[in-house]
Amino acid sequence: MHPIPEDGTVALFIGDSITDYYRRTSEYAPLGSGFVRRIAERARDAGTGMTVVNRGIAGNRVRDLRRRWTEDCLSIAPSVLTVLIGINDTARRYDEADPTSTADFKADYASILDQAQRASALDRLVLMEPFLVPFTADQARWHEEDLDEKIAVVRDLASRFDAELIPLDTILAQAAASQGARTLLADGIHPTDAGNELLAHTWWEAAKH
């Protein structure tokens, strides 16, 4: 990834509840109270002039991003695009018996990235891989049975589309081992304040190089 953007850059973050983080409520609009707000605060404090836009929607899967891609991504014409999606594509298999196949996940994800790269404004692409630190015996099966394949897709697409990959599943697993999973995550999926700070720090450090 190129160094932190300068004046005039629009940085769009899009994904599910981890990105959303209450950004559609009156209290936390428009950036939410999660890692995206923390990145915007860092950008402001550093005097970058970067405009941060949050288009996360809780519960979204990659198919939902594809449906709203024109309105919530292409119409904004970001020059920096960060995507974090995938945990709901796994979770719905278990809580609603509504799985997303790896093939469909890959096809939809590749489609939105292709559309984004065809947009002339985009010059930086960041993929944050989905993550899970299991809290329950049921969650412990998710990685091997489903999520690992989707993480592999994200890693492959990052290489294919020359994107910056932020390996959050690995980063959070390592941090949870040293700090305790419940320090970083409320339920194995949704970050606590400390977890959001780790996500923001990780993105910002990647952006500096």
N, C-alpha and C. Protein backbone atom coordinates (compact mmCIF):
# COMPACT_ATOMS: atom_id res chain seq x y z
N MET A 1 0.85 -1.19 0.00
CA MET A 1 0.00 0.00 0.00
C MET A 1 0.88 1.24 0.00
N HIS A 2 0.46 2.26 -0.72
CA HIS A 2 1.20 3.50 -0.76
C HIS A 2 1.08 4.22 0.59
N PRO A 3 1.93 5.20 0.84
CA PRO A 3 1.84 5.94 2.10
C PRO A 3 0.48 6.59 2.29
N ILE A 4 0.21 6.98 3.54
CA ILE A 4 -1.08 7.56 3.90
C ILE A 4 -1.45 8.68 2.92
N PRO A 5 -2.69 8.63 2.41
CA PRO A 5 -3.11 9.60 1.38
C PRO A 5 -3.07 11.04 1.84
N GLU A 6 -3.02 11.93 0.86
CA GLU A 6 -2.98 13.35 1.16
C GLU A 6 -4.32 13.99 0.81
N ASP A 7 -4.36 15.31 0.87
CA ASP A 7 -5.61 16.05 0.69
C ASP A 7 -6.36 15.60 -0.56
N GLY A 8 -7.68 15.49 -0.42
CA GLY A 8 -8.52 15.15 -1.55
C GLY A 8 -8.80 13.68 -1.71
N THR A 9 -8.09 12.84 -0.96
CA THR A 9 -8.32 11.40 -1.06
C THR A 9 -9.59 11.01 -0.34
N VAL A 10 -10.40 10.15 -0.98
CA VAL A 10 -11.58 9.56 -0.35
C VAL A 10 -11.27 8.11 -0.06
N ALA A 11 -11.32 7.75 1.21
CA ALA A 11 -11.08 6.38 1.65
C ALA A 11 -12.39 5.76 2.08
N LEU A 12 -12.84 4.75 1.34
CA LEU A 12 -14.11 4.09 1.60
C LEU A 12 -13.87 2.76 2.29
N PHE A 13 -14.60 2.53 3.38
CA PHE A 13 -14.59 1.25 4.08
C PHE A 13 -15.97 0.63 3.93
N ILE A 14 -16.02 -0.62 3.47
CA ILE A 14 -17.30 -1.26 3.20
C ILE A 14 -17.26 -2.70 3.68
N GLY A 15 -18.39 -3.18 4.21
CA GLY A 15 -18.45 -4.53 4.74
C GLY A 15 -19.70 -4.77 5.56
N ASP A 16 -19.53 -5.50 6.67
CA ASP A 16 -20.66 -5.91 7.49
C ASP A 16 -20.68 -5.14 8.81
N SER A 17 -21.15 -5.79 9.89
CA SER A 17 -21.32 -5.09 11.16
C SER A 17 -20.00 -4.61 11.76
N ILE A 18 -18.91 -5.31 11.45
CA ILE A 18 -17.62 -4.92 12.01
C ILE A 18 -17.20 -3.56 11.47
N THR A 19 -17.56 -3.27 10.23
CA THR A 19 -17.33 -1.96 9.64
C THR A 19 -18.43 -0.98 10.05
N ASP A 20 -19.67 -1.42 9.97
CA ASP A 20 -20.83 -0.60 10.30
C ASP A 20 -20.71 0.00 11.69
N TYR A 21 -20.68 -0.84 12.67
CA TYR A 21 -20.53 -0.48 14.08
C TYR A 21 -21.35 0.74 14.48
N TYR A 22 -22.68 0.65 14.21
CA TYR A 22 -23.67 1.65 14.61
C TYR A 22 -23.56 2.96 13.84
N ARG A 23 -22.95 2.94 12.66
CA ARG A 23 -22.80 4.19 11.92
C ARG A 23 -24.14 4.70 11.41
N ARG A 24 -25.18 3.84 11.41
CA ARG A 24 -26.50 4.28 10.92
C ARG A 24 -27.40 4.75 12.05
N THR A 25 -26.89 4.85 13.27
CA THR A 25 -27.64 5.41 14.38
C THR A 25 -27.33 6.89 14.51
N SER A 26 -28.24 7.63 15.13
CA SER A 26 -28.05 9.07 15.27
C SER A 26 -26.84 9.38 16.16
N GLU A 27 -26.56 8.51 17.10
CA GLU A 27 -25.47 8.78 18.05
C GLU A 27 -24.10 8.68 17.40
N TYR A 28 -23.95 7.72 16.47
CA TYR A 28 -22.62 7.45 15.93
C TYR A 28 -22.48 7.72 14.44
N ALA A 29 -23.51 8.26 13.79
CA ALA A 29 -23.41 8.58 12.37
C ALA A 29 -22.35 9.65 12.15
N PRO A 30 -21.67 9.63 11.01
CA PRO A 30 -21.77 8.66 9.91
C PRO A 30 -20.68 7.58 9.92
N LEU A 31 -19.79 7.61 10.90
CA LEU A 31 -18.62 6.73 10.87
C LEU A 31 -18.73 5.52 11.79
N GLY A 32 -19.76 5.49 12.64
CA GLY A 32 -19.85 4.41 13.61
C GLY A 32 -18.90 4.64 14.77
N SER A 33 -18.83 3.66 15.67
CA SER A 33 -17.97 3.80 16.85
C SER A 33 -16.85 2.77 16.86
N GLY A 34 -16.59 2.15 15.71
CA GLY A 34 -15.61 1.09 15.63
C GLY A 34 -14.28 1.53 15.03
N PHE A 35 -13.65 0.60 14.33
CA PHE A 35 -12.30 0.87 13.83
C PHE A 35 -12.27 1.95 12.75
N VAL A 36 -13.35 2.11 12.00
CA VAL A 36 -13.36 3.14 10.95
C VAL A 36 -13.27 4.53 11.56
N ARG A 37 -14.01 4.77 12.62
CA ARG A 37 -13.93 6.08 13.30
C ARG A 37 -12.51 6.32 13.81
N ARG A 38 -11.89 5.31 14.35
CA ARG A 38 -10.54 5.48 14.87
C ARG A 38 -9.54 5.82 13.75
N ILE A 39 -9.74 5.21 12.59
CA ILE A 39 -8.87 5.56 11.45
C ILE A 39 -9.11 7.01 11.02
N ALA A 40 -10.37 7.42 10.98
CA ALA A 40 -10.68 8.81 10.62
C ALA A 40 -10.06 9.79 11.61
N GLU A 41 -10.07 9.43 12.88
CA GLU A 41 -9.46 10.30 13.89
C GLU A 41 -7.94 10.38 13.70
N ARG A 42 -7.32 9.27 13.36
CA ARG A 42 -5.88 9.29 13.08
C ARG A 42 -5.58 10.16 11.86
N ALA A 43 -6.41 10.03 10.83
CA ALA A 43 -6.21 10.83 9.62
C ALA A 43 -6.34 12.31 9.92
N ARG A 44 -7.32 12.66 10.72
CA ARG A 44 -7.52 14.07 11.11
C ARG A 44 -6.34 14.58 11.92
N ASP A 45 -5.93 13.79 12.92
CA ASP A 45 -4.85 14.24 13.80
C ASP A 45 -3.52 14.36 13.05
N ALA A 46 -3.35 13.53 12.02
CA ALA A 46 -2.13 13.58 11.23
C ALA A 46 -2.17 14.67 10.16
N GLY A 47 -3.32 15.32 10.02
CA GLY A 47 -3.46 16.39 9.05
C GLY A 47 -3.39 15.92 7.61
N THR A 48 -3.87 14.71 7.33
CA THR A 48 -3.76 14.16 5.98
C THR A 48 -4.75 14.79 5.01
N GLY A 49 -5.88 15.29 5.52
CA GLY A 49 -6.92 15.79 4.62
C GLY A 49 -7.71 14.68 3.98
N MET A 50 -7.52 13.44 4.43
CA MET A 50 -8.23 12.30 3.88
C MET A 50 -9.67 12.29 4.37
N THR A 51 -10.62 12.09 3.45
CA THR A 51 -12.03 11.94 3.80
C THR A 51 -12.35 10.47 3.95
N VAL A 52 -12.86 10.08 5.11
CA VAL A 52 -13.20 8.69 5.39
C VAL A 52 -14.70 8.50 5.27
N VAL A 53 -15.11 7.48 4.53
CA VAL A 53 -16.53 7.16 4.32
C VAL A 53 -16.77 5.73 4.78
N ASN A 54 -17.83 5.52 5.56
CA ASN A 54 -18.19 4.19 6.05
C ASN A 54 -19.47 3.74 5.37
N ARG A 55 -19.42 2.58 4.72
CA ARG A 55 -20.60 1.98 4.10
C ARG A 55 -20.77 0.52 4.55
N GLY A 56 -20.45 0.26 5.81
CA GLY A 56 -20.74 -1.06 6.37
C GLY A 56 -22.22 -1.20 6.69
N ILE A 57 -22.76 -2.40 6.51
CA ILE A 57 -24.13 -2.70 6.91
C ILE A 57 -24.14 -4.04 7.65
N ALA A 58 -24.60 -4.01 8.89
CA ALA A 58 -24.62 -5.21 9.71
C ALA A 58 -25.39 -6.33 9.04
N GLY A 59 -24.84 -7.54 9.12
CA GLY A 59 -25.50 -8.71 8.56
C GLY A 59 -25.16 -8.99 7.11
N ASN A 60 -24.47 -8.08 6.45
CA ASN A 60 -24.17 -8.27 5.03
C ASN A 60 -23.26 -9.45 4.76
N ARG A 61 -23.54 -10.08 3.61
CA ARG A 61 -22.63 -11.06 3.03
C ARG A 61 -22.09 -10.46 1.73
N VAL A 62 -21.18 -11.17 1.10
CA VAL A 62 -20.59 -10.62 -0.12
C VAL A 62 -21.65 -10.45 -1.20
N ARG A 63 -22.68 -11.29 -1.22
CA ARG A 63 -23.75 -11.12 -2.20
C ARG A 63 -24.47 -9.79 -2.00
N ASP A 64 -24.56 -9.33 -0.74
CA ASP A 64 -25.21 -8.06 -0.46
C ASP A 64 -24.36 -6.89 -0.95
N LEU A 65 -23.04 -7.01 -0.79
CA LEU A 65 -22.17 -5.98 -1.33
C LEU A 65 -22.34 -5.87 -2.84
N ARG A 66 -22.44 -7.01 -3.50
CA ARG A 66 -22.58 -6.99 -4.95
C ARG A 66 -23.87 -6.27 -5.36
N ARG A 67 -24.93 -6.47 -4.61
CA ARG A 67 -26.22 -5.83 -4.94
C ARG A 67 -26.16 -4.32 -4.78
N ARG A 68 -25.40 -3.84 -3.81
CA ARG A 68 -25.38 -2.40 -3.54
C ARG A 68 -24.08 -1.72 -3.97
N TRP A 69 -23.29 -2.42 -4.75
CA TRP A 69 -21.96 -1.95 -5.10
C TRP A 69 -21.98 -0.63 -5.88
N THR A 70 -22.90 -0.49 -6.83
CA THR A 70 -22.95 0.73 -7.64
C THR A 70 -23.24 1.94 -6.75
N GLU A 71 -24.23 1.80 -5.88
CA GLU A 71 -24.62 2.93 -5.03
C GLU A 71 -23.61 3.22 -3.94
N ASP A 72 -23.13 2.16 -3.27
CA ASP A 72 -22.33 2.36 -2.06
C ASP A 72 -20.83 2.30 -2.28
N CYS A 73 -20.40 2.01 -3.49
CA CYS A 73 -18.97 2.06 -3.78
C CYS A 73 -18.69 2.88 -5.03
N LEU A 74 -19.16 2.43 -6.18
CA LEU A 74 -18.78 3.06 -7.44
C LEU A 74 -19.22 4.51 -7.51
N SER A 75 -20.39 4.81 -6.97
CA SER A 75 -20.88 6.20 -7.04
C SER A 75 -20.06 7.14 -6.17
N ILE A 76 -19.37 6.59 -5.17
CA ILE A 76 -18.54 7.40 -4.29
C ILE A 76 -17.17 7.66 -4.91
N ALA A 77 -16.77 6.78 -5.83
CA ALA A 77 -15.49 6.91 -6.55
C ALA A 77 -14.31 7.05 -5.60
N PRO A 78 -14.14 6.09 -4.69
CA PRO A 78 -13.01 6.20 -3.74
C PRO A 78 -11.68 6.01 -4.45
N SER A 79 -10.66 6.63 -3.92
CA SER A 79 -9.31 6.34 -4.40
C SER A 79 -8.64 5.29 -3.52
N VAL A 80 -9.13 5.14 -2.29
CA VAL A 80 -8.69 4.06 -1.40
C VAL A 80 -9.93 3.27 -0.99
N LEU A 81 -9.92 1.97 -1.26
CA LEU A 81 -11.06 1.11 -0.96
C LEU A 81 -10.61 -0.02 -0.04
N THR A 82 -11.29 -0.15 1.09
CA THR A 82 -11.01 -1.23 2.04
C THR A 82 -12.26 -2.08 2.21
N VAL A 83 -12.12 -3.39 2.00
CA VAL A 83 -13.24 -4.32 2.08
C VAL A 83 -12.98 -5.32 3.20
N LEU A 84 -13.98 -5.50 4.07
CA LEU A 84 -13.94 -6.52 5.12
C LEU A 84 -15.28 -7.24 5.09
N ILE A 85 -15.28 -8.47 4.58
CA ILE A 85 -16.53 -9.22 4.41
C ILE A 85 -16.22 -10.71 4.52
N GLY A 86 -17.22 -11.49 4.94
CA GLY A 86 -17.05 -12.93 4.91
C GLY A 86 -17.54 -13.70 6.12
N ILE A 87 -17.54 -13.09 7.31
CA ILE A 87 -17.93 -13.88 8.48
C ILE A 87 -19.40 -14.25 8.43
N ASN A 88 -20.26 -13.38 7.87
CA ASN A 88 -21.68 -13.74 7.76
C ASN A 88 -21.92 -14.81 6.70
N ASP A 89 -21.06 -14.86 5.68
CA ASP A 89 -21.15 -15.93 4.69
C ASP A 89 -20.92 -17.28 5.35
N THR A 90 -20.11 -17.31 6.39
CA THR A 90 -19.91 -18.53 7.17
C THR A 90 -21.01 -18.70 8.21
N ALA A 91 -21.30 -17.68 8.98
CA ALA A 91 -22.22 -17.80 10.11
C ALA A 91 -23.62 -18.23 9.71
N ARG A 92 -24.12 -17.75 8.57
CA ARG A 92 -25.49 -18.09 8.16
C ARG A 92 -25.64 -19.59 7.87
N ARG A 93 -24.54 -20.25 7.55
CA ARG A 93 -24.59 -21.72 7.38
C ARG A 93 -25.02 -22.38 8.68
N TYR A 94 -24.61 -21.81 9.80
CA TYR A 94 -24.84 -22.46 11.09
C TYR A 94 -26.06 -21.94 11.82
N ASP A 95 -26.36 -20.64 11.72
CA ASP A 95 -27.49 -20.13 12.49
C ASP A 95 -28.79 -20.03 11.70
N GLU A 96 -28.70 -20.14 10.35
CA GLU A 96 -29.92 -20.08 9.55
C GLU A 96 -29.98 -21.16 8.48
N ALA A 97 -29.04 -22.09 8.50
CA ALA A 97 -28.97 -23.16 7.49
C ALA A 97 -29.02 -22.58 6.07
N ASP A 98 -28.29 -21.49 5.87
CA ASP A 98 -28.27 -20.78 4.60
C ASP A 98 -26.82 -20.52 4.20
N PRO A 99 -26.11 -21.53 3.73
CA PRO A 99 -24.68 -21.39 3.45
C PRO A 99 -24.40 -20.59 2.19
N THR A 100 -23.21 -20.04 2.13
CA THR A 100 -22.66 -19.46 0.91
C THR A 100 -21.53 -20.36 0.46
N SER A 101 -21.63 -20.92 -0.72
CA SER A 101 -20.57 -21.81 -1.20
C SER A 101 -19.30 -21.00 -1.43
N THR A 102 -18.18 -21.69 -1.36
CA THR A 102 -16.91 -21.03 -1.63
C THR A 102 -16.87 -20.48 -3.05
N ALA A 103 -17.43 -21.23 -3.98
CA ALA A 103 -17.44 -20.78 -5.38
C ALA A 103 -18.25 -19.50 -5.54
N ASP A 104 -19.42 -19.43 -4.91
CA ASP A 104 -20.24 -18.22 -5.00
C ASP A 104 -19.56 -17.04 -4.30
N PHE A 105 -18.96 -17.32 -3.16
CA PHE A 105 -18.24 -16.27 -2.43
C PHE A 105 -17.14 -15.69 -3.31
N LYS A 106 -16.39 -16.55 -3.94
CA LYS A 106 -15.28 -16.10 -4.79
C LYS A 106 -15.80 -15.34 -6.00
N ALA A 107 -16.85 -15.83 -6.64
CA ALA A 107 -17.38 -15.18 -7.84
C ALA A 107 -17.90 -13.78 -7.52
N ASP A 108 -18.65 -13.65 -6.44
CA ASP A 108 -19.20 -12.34 -6.08
C ASP A 108 -18.10 -11.38 -5.65
N TYR A 109 -17.15 -11.87 -4.89
CA TYR A 109 -16.06 -11.02 -4.41
C TYR A 109 -15.20 -10.55 -5.60
N ALA A 110 -14.87 -11.47 -6.49
CA ALA A 110 -14.07 -11.11 -7.66
C ALA A 110 -14.81 -10.10 -8.53
N SER A 111 -16.13 -10.25 -8.64
CA SER A 111 -16.92 -9.33 -9.46
C SER A 111 -16.85 -7.90 -8.93
N ILE A 112 -17.01 -7.72 -7.62
CA ILE A 112 -17.01 -6.36 -7.09
C ILE A 112 -15.61 -5.74 -7.16
N LEU A 113 -14.59 -6.56 -6.98
CA LEU A 113 -13.23 -6.02 -7.08
C LEU A 113 -12.90 -5.63 -8.52
N ASP A 114 -13.36 -6.43 -9.46
CA ASP A 114 -13.13 -6.11 -10.87
C ASP A 114 -13.81 -4.79 -11.22
N GLN A 115 -15.05 -4.63 -10.75
CA GLN A 115 -15.76 -3.38 -11.02
C GLN A 115 -15.03 -2.19 -10.40
N ALA A 116 -14.53 -2.38 -9.19
CA ALA A 116 -13.85 -1.28 -8.50
C ALA A 116 -12.57 -0.90 -9.23
N GLN A 117 -11.82 -1.89 -9.68
CA GLN A 117 -10.56 -1.58 -10.35
C GLN A 117 -10.76 -0.96 -11.73
N ARG A 118 -11.91 -1.18 -12.32
CA ARG A 118 -12.21 -0.54 -13.59
C ARG A 118 -12.57 0.93 -13.43
N ALA A 119 -12.90 1.31 -12.17
CA ALA A 119 -13.21 2.71 -11.90
C ALA A 119 -11.90 3.50 -11.86
N SER A 120 -11.83 4.55 -12.63
CA SER A 120 -10.57 5.27 -12.81
C SER A 120 -10.06 5.92 -11.53
N ALA A 121 -10.96 6.18 -10.57
CA ALA A 121 -10.54 6.88 -9.36
C ALA A 121 -9.75 5.99 -8.40
N LEU A 122 -9.91 4.68 -8.48
CA LEU A 122 -9.32 3.78 -7.50
C LEU A 122 -7.84 3.55 -7.78
N ASP A 123 -7.01 3.85 -6.79
CA ASP A 123 -5.59 3.54 -6.95
C ASP A 123 -5.02 2.73 -5.78
N ARG A 124 -5.81 2.47 -4.75
CA ARG A 124 -5.36 1.64 -3.64
C ARG A 124 -6.50 0.73 -3.21
N LEU A 125 -6.20 -0.55 -3.07
CA LEU A 125 -7.18 -1.54 -2.67
C LEU A 125 -6.64 -2.32 -1.48
N VAL A 126 -7.45 -2.42 -0.42
CA VAL A 126 -7.07 -3.12 0.79
C VAL A 126 -8.13 -4.17 1.10
N LEU A 127 -7.70 -5.42 1.27
CA LEU A 127 -8.62 -6.49 1.67
C LEU A 127 -8.27 -6.93 3.08
N MET A 128 -9.23 -6.83 3.96
CA MET A 128 -9.08 -7.30 5.34
C MET A 128 -9.78 -8.65 5.43
N GLU A 129 -9.05 -9.69 5.76
CA GLU A 129 -9.66 -11.02 5.74
C GLU A 129 -10.64 -11.19 6.90
N PRO A 130 -11.71 -11.98 6.69
CA PRO A 130 -12.64 -12.26 7.78
C PRO A 130 -11.93 -13.04 8.88
N PHE A 131 -12.47 -12.97 10.09
CA PHE A 131 -11.79 -13.59 11.22
C PHE A 131 -12.80 -14.16 12.21
N LEU A 132 -12.31 -15.09 13.02
CA LEU A 132 -13.10 -15.68 14.08
C LEU A 132 -12.15 -16.24 15.12
N VAL A 133 -12.36 -15.84 16.37
CA VAL A 133 -11.67 -16.46 17.50
C VAL A 133 -12.74 -17.22 18.27
N PRO A 134 -12.80 -18.54 18.16
CA PRO A 134 -13.94 -19.30 18.70
C PRO A 134 -14.14 -19.10 20.21
N PHE A 135 -15.38 -18.83 20.57
CA PHE A 135 -15.76 -18.73 21.98
C PHE A 135 -16.52 -19.97 22.43
N THR A 136 -17.13 -20.70 21.47
CA THR A 136 -17.97 -21.84 21.80
C THR A 136 -17.49 -23.07 21.04
N ALA A 137 -17.96 -24.24 21.49
CA ALA A 137 -17.61 -25.48 20.80
C ALA A 137 -18.15 -25.47 19.38
N ASP A 138 -19.33 -24.88 19.18
CA ASP A 138 -19.90 -24.80 17.84
C ASP A 138 -19.03 -23.93 16.94
N GLN A 139 -18.62 -22.77 17.44
CA GLN A 139 -17.78 -21.89 16.64
C GLN A 139 -16.45 -22.54 16.28
N ALA A 140 -15.98 -23.41 17.13
CA ALA A 140 -14.68 -24.06 16.89
C ALA A 140 -14.68 -24.86 15.60
N ARG A 141 -15.86 -25.29 15.13
CA ARG A 141 -15.94 -26.05 13.88
C ARG A 141 -15.95 -25.16 12.65
N TRP A 142 -16.26 -23.89 12.83
CA TRP A 142 -16.49 -23.01 11.69
C TRP A 142 -15.26 -22.85 10.81
N HIS A 143 -14.12 -22.72 11.44
CA HIS A 143 -12.90 -22.52 10.66
C HIS A 143 -12.68 -23.67 9.67
N GLU A 144 -12.57 -24.87 10.20
CA GLU A 144 -12.23 -26.02 9.37
C GLU A 144 -13.31 -26.33 8.35
N GLU A 145 -14.56 -26.19 8.75
CA GLU A 145 -15.67 -26.58 7.88
C GLU A 145 -16.01 -25.52 6.83
N ASP A 146 -15.69 -24.25 7.09
CA ASP A 146 -16.18 -23.21 6.18
C ASP A 146 -15.27 -22.00 6.05
N LEU A 147 -14.92 -21.37 7.16
CA LEU A 147 -14.26 -20.07 7.10
C LEU A 147 -12.87 -20.12 6.48
N ASP A 148 -12.13 -21.19 6.75
CA ASP A 148 -10.77 -21.26 6.21
C ASP A 148 -10.75 -21.16 4.68
N GLU A 149 -11.74 -21.77 4.03
CA GLU A 149 -11.80 -21.69 2.57
C GLU A 149 -12.06 -20.26 2.12
N LYS A 150 -12.87 -19.54 2.85
CA LYS A 150 -13.18 -18.16 2.47
C LYS A 150 -12.00 -17.23 2.73
N ILE A 151 -11.27 -17.49 3.80
CA ILE A 151 -10.04 -16.73 4.03
C ILE A 151 -9.05 -16.98 2.90
N ALA A 152 -8.95 -18.21 2.46
CA ALA A 152 -8.05 -18.54 1.34
C ALA A 152 -8.47 -17.80 0.08
N VAL A 153 -9.77 -17.66 -0.14
CA VAL A 153 -10.26 -16.90 -1.29
C VAL A 153 -9.80 -15.45 -1.21
N VAL A 154 -9.95 -14.84 -0.03
CA VAL A 154 -9.56 -13.44 0.13
C VAL A 154 -8.06 -13.27 -0.13
N ARG A 155 -7.27 -14.20 0.38
CA ARG A 155 -5.82 -14.12 0.14
C ARG A 155 -5.49 -14.26 -1.34
N ASP A 156 -6.18 -15.16 -2.01
CA ASP A 156 -5.96 -15.35 -3.43
C ASP A 156 -6.36 -14.11 -4.22
N LEU A 157 -7.50 -13.52 -3.86
CA LEU A 157 -7.97 -12.33 -4.57
C LEU A 157 -7.04 -11.14 -4.32
N ALA A 158 -6.49 -11.05 -3.13
CA ALA A 158 -5.54 -9.97 -2.86
C ALA A 158 -4.35 -10.05 -3.80
N SER A 159 -3.87 -11.27 -4.03
CA SER A 159 -2.76 -11.45 -4.96
C SER A 159 -3.20 -11.15 -6.39
N ARG A 160 -4.36 -11.65 -6.76
CA ARG A 160 -4.87 -11.49 -8.13
C ARG A 160 -5.11 -10.03 -8.48
N PHE A 161 -5.61 -9.25 -7.52
CA PHE A 161 -5.96 -7.86 -7.79
C PHE A 161 -4.90 -6.87 -7.28
N ASP A 162 -3.74 -7.40 -6.90
CA ASP A 162 -2.63 -6.57 -6.44
C ASP A 162 -3.07 -5.66 -5.30
N ALA A 163 -3.77 -6.26 -4.33
CA ALA A 163 -4.28 -5.51 -3.19
C ALA A 163 -3.39 -5.73 -1.97
N GLU A 164 -3.45 -4.79 -1.05
CA GLU A 164 -2.82 -4.96 0.25
C GLU A 164 -3.70 -5.91 1.06
N LEU A 165 -3.12 -6.99 1.57
CA LEU A 165 -3.85 -7.95 2.40
C LEU A 165 -3.53 -7.69 3.87
N ILE A 166 -4.57 -7.54 4.68
CA ILE A 166 -4.40 -7.45 6.13
C ILE A 166 -4.94 -8.75 6.72
N PRO A 167 -4.06 -9.63 7.19
CA PRO A 167 -4.45 -10.97 7.63
C PRO A 167 -5.04 -10.97 9.05
N LEU A 168 -6.24 -10.45 9.16
CA LEU A 168 -6.83 -10.24 10.48
C LEU A 168 -7.04 -11.52 11.27
N ASP A 169 -7.36 -12.62 10.60
CA ASP A 169 -7.59 -13.86 11.35
C ASP A 169 -6.32 -14.27 12.09
N THR A 170 -5.20 -14.17 11.42
CA THR A 170 -3.92 -14.48 12.06
C THR A 170 -3.57 -13.46 13.13
N ILE A 171 -3.75 -12.20 12.83
CA ILE A 171 -3.41 -11.13 13.77
C ILE A 171 -4.23 -11.25 15.05
N LEU A 172 -5.54 -11.47 14.91
CA LEU A 172 -6.39 -11.56 16.10
C LEU A 172 -6.14 -12.84 16.88
N ALA A 173 -5.86 -13.94 16.21
CA ALA A 173 -5.55 -15.18 16.92
C ALA A 173 -4.30 -15.00 17.77
N GLN A 174 -3.29 -14.36 17.20
CA GLN A 174 -2.05 -14.13 17.95
C GLN A 174 -2.27 -13.17 19.12
N ALA A 175 -3.03 -12.11 18.87
CA ALA A 175 -3.30 -11.14 19.94
C ALA A 175 -4.14 -11.76 21.04
N ALA A 176 -5.11 -12.60 20.66
CA ALA A 176 -5.96 -13.25 21.65
C ALA A 176 -5.16 -14.20 22.53
N ALA A 177 -4.17 -14.83 21.94
CA ALA A 177 -3.33 -15.76 22.71
C ALA A 177 -2.55 -15.04 23.80
N SER A 178 -2.18 -13.80 23.53
CA SER A 178 -1.38 -13.06 24.51
C SER A 178 -2.21 -12.17 25.43
N GLN A 179 -3.31 -11.61 24.88
CA GLN A 179 -4.10 -10.66 25.66
C GLN A 179 -5.40 -11.24 26.21
N GLY A 180 -5.82 -12.37 25.66
CA GLY A 180 -7.11 -12.94 26.03
C GLY A 180 -8.16 -12.60 25.00
N ALA A 181 -8.88 -13.60 24.53
CA ALA A 181 -9.86 -13.39 23.46
C ALA A 181 -10.93 -12.40 23.87
N ARG A 182 -11.39 -12.46 25.12
CA ARG A 182 -12.49 -11.59 25.53
C ARG A 182 -12.06 -10.14 25.73
N THR A 183 -10.77 -9.91 25.75
CA THR A 183 -10.29 -8.53 25.77
C THR A 183 -10.53 -7.88 24.42
N LEU A 184 -10.44 -8.67 23.36
CA LEU A 184 -10.49 -8.14 22.00
C LEU A 184 -11.82 -8.31 21.30
N LEU A 185 -12.59 -9.33 21.69
CA LEU A 185 -13.83 -9.65 21.00
C LEU A 185 -14.95 -9.92 21.99
N ALA A 186 -16.15 -9.47 21.63
CA ALA A 186 -17.29 -9.64 22.52
C ALA A 186 -17.87 -11.05 22.45
N ASP A 187 -17.76 -11.67 21.26
CA ASP A 187 -18.42 -12.95 21.03
C ASP A 187 -17.65 -13.85 20.07
N GLY A 188 -16.40 -13.56 19.87
CA GLY A 188 -15.59 -14.28 18.91
C GLY A 188 -15.55 -13.62 17.54
N ILE A 189 -16.49 -12.68 17.31
CA ILE A 189 -16.63 -12.03 16.00
C ILE A 189 -16.53 -10.51 16.10
N HIS A 190 -17.31 -9.91 16.99
CA HIS A 190 -17.42 -8.46 17.05
C HIS A 190 -16.38 -7.87 18.01
N PRO A 191 -15.59 -6.92 17.53
CA PRO A 191 -14.52 -6.37 18.36
C PRO A 191 -15.03 -5.54 19.53
N THR A 192 -14.32 -5.63 20.63
CA THR A 192 -14.49 -4.71 21.75
C THR A 192 -13.76 -3.40 21.40
N ASP A 193 -13.75 -2.47 22.34
CA ASP A 193 -12.98 -1.24 22.10
C ASP A 193 -11.52 -1.58 21.82
N ALA A 194 -10.96 -2.52 22.59
CA ALA A 194 -9.57 -2.90 22.37
C ALA A 194 -9.39 -3.57 21.01
N GLY A 195 -10.36 -4.37 20.60
CA GLY A 195 -10.30 -5.01 19.30
C GLY A 195 -10.38 -4.02 18.17
N ASN A 196 -11.27 -3.06 18.29
CA ASN A 196 -11.38 -2.02 17.27
C ASN A 196 -10.10 -1.19 17.18
N GLU A 197 -9.50 -0.94 18.31
CA GLU A 197 -8.24 -0.20 18.32
C GLU A 197 -7.15 -1.01 17.60
N LEU A 198 -7.14 -2.31 17.80
CA LEU A 198 -6.16 -3.16 17.12
C LEU A 198 -6.39 -3.13 15.61
N LEU A 199 -7.64 -3.22 15.17
CA LEU A 199 -7.94 -3.17 13.74
C LEU A 199 -7.50 -1.84 13.14
N ALA A 200 -7.81 -0.75 13.83
CA ALA A 200 -7.44 0.58 13.33
C ALA A 200 -5.92 0.73 13.28
N HIS A 201 -5.26 0.31 14.32
CA HIS A 201 -3.80 0.39 14.36
C HIS A 201 -3.17 -0.41 13.23
N THR A 202 -3.70 -1.61 13.00
CA THR A 202 -3.15 -2.48 11.96
C THR A 202 -3.31 -1.84 10.58
N TRP A 203 -4.49 -1.30 10.30
CA TRP A 203 -4.71 -0.63 9.00
C TRP A 203 -3.79 0.58 8.87
N TRP A 204 -3.70 1.38 9.90
CA TRP A 204 -2.91 2.60 9.85
C TRP A 204 -1.43 2.31 9.65
N GLU A 205 -0.93 1.30 10.32
CA GLU A 205 0.47 0.94 10.16
C GLU A 205 0.74 0.45 8.74
N ALA A 206 -0.19 -0.32 8.18
CA ALA A 206 -0.04 -0.76 6.79
C ALA A 206 -0.05 0.42 5.85
N ALA A 207 -0.87 1.42 6.16
CA ALA A 207 -1.01 2.58 5.28
C ALA A 207 0.21 3.50 5.29
N LYS A 208 1.03 3.36 6.30
CA LYS A 208 2.20 4.24 6.43
C LYS A 208 3.37 3.79 5.55
N HIS A 209 3.27 2.61 4.96
CA HIS A 209 4.41 2.06 4.22
C HIS A 209 4.08 1.89 2.74
